[in-house]
Amino acid sequence: MLDLLERVHRKLSLLPKRSEPWPEALGRALEAVKRAVEEEAPGLLQGVELPPEEVLLGDAERLRRGQGPEGEGYAFWLHQALRLVPWQEAGEEGRCPACGGFPDVGFLDEEGRRFYVCAFCDETWRAPRVACPYCGEGRADRVVFYAEDPFRIYVCRTCGERFVVQDLRLKPALDLPALRARAAWYAVAEEEDVEV
């Protein structure tokens, strides 16, 4: 399954950004994502339906702020489509300085400094060494990690979320499709399957 997710993320990383106005850009991005996913993993979005436009646009706004809609398939589809659509709200602490999106993955640079990668525009910015990007927890005993070299999987014991980073000291080239596939894998993993 992890290999399939990585192939899907590699395919999605090749899709061009949309230039149409909102919400037409979102509609076209949703179509492009569905085609790309179906080419690589037929049936992955089978049975996933889009809600009426008003609900869809509300879910898109909430997802941009880190609040995922119900349904893993729908949330994945919408998230990938939003990566292709321009976003113009930045400046909130802990969010992308370019577009205001939340981080979905991160990396440790050659000196061990931690960086976030925006889930929507791929902008990177410096992050606290130990902190949960979702709830802000910063106590080392509450944000723990385990290593699957070259990846680190951080688990927040306060909110229960997981966050995956690549250690560039172990694998110097940042591989966003592989990193995002691993993050998607851990997002659906059962808590008892993860030993910390």
Protein backbone atom coordinates (compact mmCIF):
# COMPACT_ATOMS: atom_id res chain seq x y z
CA MET A 1 0.00 0.00 0.00
CA LEU A 2 2.85 2.38 0.83
CA ASP A 3 4.31 1.86 -2.68
CA LEU A 4 0.92 2.61 -4.23
CA LEU A 5 0.59 5.82 -2.20
CA GLU A 6 4.08 6.87 -3.25
CA ARG A 7 3.27 6.30 -6.94
CA VAL A 8 0.05 8.32 -6.55
CA HIS A 9 1.89 11.18 -4.85
CA ARG A 10 4.59 11.18 -7.54
CA LYS A 11 1.90 11.40 -10.24
CA LEU A 12 0.11 14.20 -8.37
CA SER A 13 3.35 16.15 -7.94
CA LEU A 14 3.52 16.51 -11.74
CA LEU A 15 0.13 18.22 -12.09
CA PRO A 16 0.35 21.90 -13.07
CA LYS A 17 -0.97 24.70 -10.86
CA ARG A 18 -4.30 26.18 -11.95
CA SER A 19 -4.62 29.78 -13.13
CA GLU A 20 -8.41 30.09 -13.43
CA PRO A 21 -10.33 32.22 -10.93
CA TRP A 22 -11.82 30.71 -7.79
CA PRO A 23 -13.97 28.51 -7.68
CA GLU A 24 -13.53 27.41 -11.31
CA ALA A 25 -9.89 26.60 -10.52
CA LEU A 26 -10.99 24.24 -7.77
CA GLY A 27 -13.42 22.41 -10.04
CA ARG A 28 -10.77 21.88 -12.71
CA ALA A 29 -8.20 20.86 -10.09
CA LEU A 30 -10.61 18.26 -8.67
CA GLU A 31 -11.05 16.81 -12.17
CA ALA A 32 -7.28 16.73 -12.79
CA VAL A 33 -6.60 15.01 -9.46
CA LYS A 34 -9.28 12.39 -10.07
CA ARG A 35 -7.87 11.59 -13.53
CA ALA A 36 -4.31 11.31 -12.18
CA VAL A 37 -5.35 9.11 -9.25
CA GLU A 38 -7.43 6.84 -11.50
CA GLU A 39 -4.50 6.43 -13.92
CA GLU A 40 -2.19 5.31 -11.14
CA ALA A 41 -4.61 3.60 -8.73
CA PRO A 42 -7.92 2.72 -10.40
CA GLY A 43 -10.72 2.58 -7.88
CA LEU A 44 -8.92 4.50 -5.13
CA LEU A 45 -11.57 7.23 -5.23
CA GLN A 46 -14.39 4.82 -6.11
CA GLY A 47 -17.57 5.74 -4.28
CA VAL A 48 -16.20 9.12 -3.17
CA GLU A 49 -18.64 11.83 -4.13
CA LEU A 50 -18.34 15.58 -3.97
CA PRO A 51 -20.92 17.49 -1.93
CA PRO A 52 -22.91 20.44 -3.32
CA GLU A 53 -20.73 23.43 -4.26
CA GLU A 54 -21.55 25.47 -1.14
CA VAL A 55 -20.47 22.61 1.15
CA LEU A 56 -17.42 21.89 -1.01
CA LEU A 57 -16.23 25.51 -0.83
CA GLY A 58 -16.78 25.58 2.94
CA ASP A 59 -14.82 22.33 3.33
CA ALA A 60 -12.04 23.80 1.17
CA GLU A 61 -11.78 26.87 3.44
CA ARG A 62 -11.71 24.70 6.57
CA LEU A 63 -9.15 22.31 5.08
CA ARG A 64 -6.87 25.25 4.26
CA ARG A 65 -6.91 25.97 7.99
CA GLY A 66 -6.09 22.40 8.97
CA GLN A 67 -9.60 21.11 9.71
CA GLY A 68 -10.17 18.12 7.47
CA PRO A 69 -13.66 17.18 6.28
CA GLU A 70 -15.25 13.83 7.06
CA GLY A 71 -14.27 10.92 4.85
CA GLU A 72 -10.63 10.02 4.18
CA GLY A 73 -11.09 9.68 0.41
CA TYR A 74 -12.92 12.99 0.09
CA ALA A 75 -10.39 14.78 2.34
CA PHE A 76 -7.49 13.37 0.28
CA TRP A 77 -9.10 14.35 -3.03
CA LEU A 78 -9.93 17.87 -1.87
CA HIS A 79 -6.49 18.38 -0.30
CA GLN A 80 -4.68 17.34 -3.47
CA ALA A 81 -6.90 19.63 -5.57
CA LEU A 82 -6.23 22.57 -3.23
CA ARG A 83 -2.49 22.06 -3.77
CA LEU A 84 -3.11 23.14 -7.38
CA VAL A 85 -5.15 26.26 -6.57
CA PRO A 86 -3.61 29.63 -5.57
CA TRP A 87 -4.20 30.71 -1.98
CA GLN A 88 -3.65 34.26 -0.77
CA GLU A 89 -3.92 34.37 3.03
CA ALA A 90 -0.66 34.30 4.98
CA GLY A 91 0.79 35.46 8.26
CA GLU A 92 -0.89 33.31 10.92
CA GLU A 93 1.65 31.83 13.34
CA GLY A 94 2.49 28.22 12.58
CA ARG A 95 1.13 28.55 9.07
CA CYS A 96 2.82 28.96 5.71
CA PRO A 97 4.27 32.44 5.29
CA ALA A 98 3.45 32.35 1.56
CA CYS A 99 -0.14 31.11 1.47
CA GLY A 100 -1.41 30.54 5.01
CA GLY A 101 -1.69 26.76 4.61
CA PHE A 102 -0.70 24.26 7.27
CA PRO A 103 2.33 21.97 7.07
CA ASP A 104 1.78 18.34 6.13
CA VAL A 105 5.40 17.12 6.29
CA GLY A 106 8.80 18.45 7.24
CA PHE A 107 12.52 17.83 7.14
CA LEU A 108 15.66 18.16 9.21
CA ASP A 109 18.42 19.99 7.35
CA GLU A 110 22.13 19.14 7.35
CA GLU A 111 22.53 20.85 10.73
CA GLY A 112 19.52 19.12 12.30
CA ARG A 113 17.25 22.17 12.14
CA ARG A 114 13.59 21.36 11.59
CA PHE A 115 11.54 22.85 8.74
CA TYR A 116 7.89 22.55 7.77
CA VAL A 117 6.66 22.08 4.18
CA CYS A 118 3.32 23.66 3.26
CA ALA A 119 0.64 21.15 2.35
CA PHE A 120 -0.57 23.42 -0.45
CA CYS A 121 2.24 25.42 -2.03
CA ASP A 122 5.38 23.49 -0.88
CA GLU A 123 6.88 26.62 0.73
CA THR A 124 9.30 25.73 3.54
CA TRP A 125 9.86 27.59 6.78
CA ARG A 126 11.79 27.09 10.00
CA ALA A 127 9.92 25.21 12.71
CA PRO A 128 10.54 24.66 16.41
CA ARG A 129 12.80 21.66 17.02
CA VAL A 130 10.16 19.92 19.15
CA ALA A 131 6.58 21.01 18.57
CA CYS A 132 3.34 19.60 17.24
CA PRO A 133 2.35 21.56 14.11
CA TYR A 134 -1.31 20.79 14.79
CA CYS A 135 -1.89 21.73 18.45
CA GLY A 136 1.34 23.59 19.30
CA GLU A 137 2.44 21.18 22.05
CA GLY A 138 6.13 21.78 22.71
CA ARG A 139 6.99 19.60 25.71
CA ALA A 140 9.54 16.94 24.77
CA ASP A 141 7.75 14.29 26.86
CA ARG A 142 4.51 14.93 24.91
CA VAL A 143 5.97 15.07 21.37
CA VAL A 144 7.97 11.90 20.84
CA PHE A 145 9.37 10.33 17.71
CA TYR A 146 10.69 7.09 16.37
CA ALA A 147 12.97 6.66 13.41
CA GLU A 148 12.52 4.68 10.22
CA ASP A 149 15.64 6.04 8.55
CA PRO A 150 15.66 8.43 6.79
CA PHE A 151 12.24 9.33 8.22
CA ARG A 152 11.15 10.37 11.69
CA ILE A 153 7.56 9.91 12.76
CA TYR A 154 6.60 12.37 15.49
CA VAL A 155 3.58 11.48 17.62
CA CYS A 156 1.89 14.13 19.73
CA ARG A 157 0.59 12.60 22.95
CA THR A 158 -1.58 15.67 23.53
CA CYS A 159 -3.67 15.69 20.33
CA GLY A 160 -2.79 12.26 18.92
CA GLU A 161 -1.64 13.53 15.52
CA ARG A 162 1.41 12.23 13.67
CA PHE A 163 3.89 14.28 11.66
CA VAL A 164 6.54 12.81 9.35
CA VAL A 165 9.89 14.44 8.56
CA GLN A 166 12.82 13.38 6.41
CA ASP A 167 16.29 13.62 7.91
CA LEU A 168 18.43 15.13 5.14
CA ARG A 169 21.56 14.08 7.03
CA LEU A 170 20.64 10.48 6.17
CA LYS A 171 19.16 11.03 2.69
CA PRO A 172 20.29 14.41 1.31
CA ALA A 173 17.70 14.81 -1.46
CA LEU A 174 14.27 15.81 -0.20
CA ASP A 175 11.74 13.37 -1.68
CA LEU A 176 8.32 15.00 -1.17
CA PRO A 177 6.24 12.27 -2.89
CA ALA A 178 7.83 9.54 -0.72
CA LEU A 179 7.54 11.72 2.37
CA ARG A 180 3.87 12.53 1.70
CA ALA A 181 3.09 8.88 0.95
CA ARG A 182 4.58 7.90 4.32
CA ALA A 183 2.59 10.67 6.04
CA ALA A 184 -0.61 9.41 4.39
CA TRP A 185 0.26 5.88 5.49
CA TYR A 186 0.68 6.93 9.12
CA ALA A 187 -2.41 9.11 9.06
CA VAL A 188 -4.56 6.03 8.63
CA ALA A 189 -2.47 3.64 10.76
CA GLU A 190 -4.02 2.43 13.97
CA GLU A 191 -2.48 3.82 17.16
CA GLU A 192 -1.66 0.34 18.46
CA ASP A 193 0.41 -0.33 15.33
CA VAL A 194 2.81 2.49 16.22
CA GLU A 195 5.25 1.86 19.02
CA VAL A 196 6.90 4.90 20.54
